[in-house]
Amino acid sequence: MVDRMSLFKKLEIRRDPEFGLCIELCSWDHMDYIEDVLCEHFDIEYDFKIDDPEILRYALFFDKSINESELKDSILSINHHHKSSGQIYVTS
C-alpha cells in the first residue's frame, strides 16, 4: 500500500560529485510517481536511477546535457502543486 503522504515529500535537486544532478526520493513508490510526473507533465526524462531497497536509496539522475533551469522549474512547480492543492498529479 502506498503511503500517500510520502508522495508529497518536498523535492530538492542536488549535485552528485560523480554523476551530476539528481533527486533523492524516500521510497520506490515516491520514485515511481515522480519519474511519471516529470515525464508526463514536464517532458523530462532521467538518465538512470538507483533503486536499492537494501540500503534504502532511491534516486533519479539526469544527463549532463539536461537544462538545469528547466529541471529546477519543474521541481518548484511539483512542490508548489502538492503544497497548494493537497493533490497528487494524475498519471497514467
Protein backbone atom coordinates (compact mmCIF):
# COMPACT_ATOMS: atom_id res chain seq x y z
CA MET A 1 0.00 0.00 0.00
CA VAL A 2 1.32 3.44 -0.95
CA ASP A 3 1.82 5.96 1.83
CA ARG A 4 0.11 8.86 0.09
CA MET A 5 1.78 11.46 2.32
CA SER A 6 5.24 10.26 1.26
CA LEU A 7 4.36 11.28 -2.31
CA PHE A 8 4.14 14.90 -1.10
CA LYS A 9 7.67 14.96 0.31
CA LYS A 10 9.42 18.17 -0.75
CA LEU A 11 11.77 17.57 -3.66
CA GLU A 12 15.24 19.04 -3.84
CA ILE A 13 17.81 18.84 -6.57
CA ARG A 14 21.34 18.11 -5.53
CA ARG A 15 24.57 17.74 -7.43
CA ASP A 16 26.24 14.37 -7.05
CA PRO A 17 30.02 14.81 -7.42
CA GLU A 18 30.29 11.80 -9.72
CA PHE A 19 27.05 11.81 -11.71
CA GLY A 20 25.70 15.37 -11.68
CA LEU A 21 22.14 16.49 -10.97
CA CYS A 22 19.91 14.12 -9.04
CA ILE A 23 16.80 13.96 -6.92
CA GLU A 24 16.81 11.73 -3.84
CA LEU A 25 13.45 10.11 -3.08
CA CYS A 26 12.11 8.38 0.01
CA SER A 27 10.74 5.13 -1.41
CA TRP A 28 10.19 3.12 -4.56
CA ASP A 29 6.60 4.45 -4.78
CA HIS A 30 7.81 8.04 -4.46
CA MET A 31 10.43 7.47 -7.18
CA ASP A 32 7.89 5.83 -9.50
CA TYR A 33 5.42 8.69 -9.01
CA ILE A 34 7.98 11.48 -9.54
CA GLU A 35 9.51 9.89 -12.63
CA ASP A 36 5.97 9.63 -14.10
CA VAL A 37 5.18 13.27 -13.25
CA LEU A 38 8.46 14.53 -14.71
CA CYS A 39 7.93 12.59 -17.93
CA GLU A 40 4.17 13.03 -18.43
CA HIS A 41 3.70 16.59 -17.21
CA PHE A 42 7.09 18.22 -17.84
CA ASP A 43 8.58 16.12 -20.65
CA ILE A 44 11.75 15.49 -18.61
CA GLU A 45 13.47 12.12 -18.72
CA TYR A 46 16.03 10.89 -16.23
CA ASP A 47 19.23 9.23 -17.41
CA PHE A 48 19.37 6.43 -14.82
CA LYS A 49 18.10 5.61 -11.37
CA ILE A 50 19.20 3.90 -8.20
CA ASP A 51 16.55 1.63 -6.78
CA ASP A 52 18.13 -0.19 -3.85
CA PRO A 53 15.80 -1.22 -1.02
CA GLU A 54 18.65 -2.90 0.88
CA ILE A 55 20.35 0.44 1.51
CA LEU A 56 17.10 2.43 1.24
CA ARG A 57 18.39 4.59 -1.58
CA TYR A 58 16.14 5.78 -4.35
CA ALA A 59 17.35 8.49 -6.73
CA LEU A 60 16.89 9.80 -10.24
CA PHE A 61 19.99 11.04 -12.07
CA PHE A 62 19.91 13.35 -15.05
CA ASP A 63 22.18 13.54 -18.07
CA LYS A 64 24.73 16.33 -18.05
CA SER A 65 23.03 17.85 -21.11
CA ILE A 66 19.74 18.47 -19.25
CA ASN A 67 18.59 22.05 -18.97
CA GLU A 68 19.19 22.67 -15.25
CA SER A 69 16.85 25.65 -15.15
CA GLU A 70 14.02 23.61 -16.69
CA LEU A 71 14.55 20.83 -14.15
CA LYS A 72 14.57 23.32 -11.25
CA ASP A 73 11.40 24.98 -12.53
CA SER A 74 9.62 21.64 -12.81
CA ILE A 75 10.63 20.65 -9.25
CA LEU A 76 9.44 24.02 -7.92
CA SER A 77 6.16 23.51 -9.78
CA ILE A 78 5.69 20.00 -8.36
CA ASN A 79 6.42 21.19 -4.81
CA HIS A 80 4.03 24.13 -5.24
CA HIS A 81 1.26 21.93 -6.67
CA HIS A 82 1.50 19.48 -3.76
CA LYS A 83 1.55 22.22 -1.14
CA SER A 84 -1.15 24.45 -2.60
CA SER A 85 -3.64 21.84 -3.81
CA GLY A 86 -3.01 18.92 -1.46
CA GLN A 87 -3.38 16.70 -4.52
CA ILE A 88 -1.04 14.42 -6.42
CA TYR A 89 -0.66 14.71 -10.18
CA VAL A 90 -2.78 12.35 -12.23
CA THR A 91 -0.51 9.97 -14.15
CA SER A 92 -1.29 7.02 -16.37
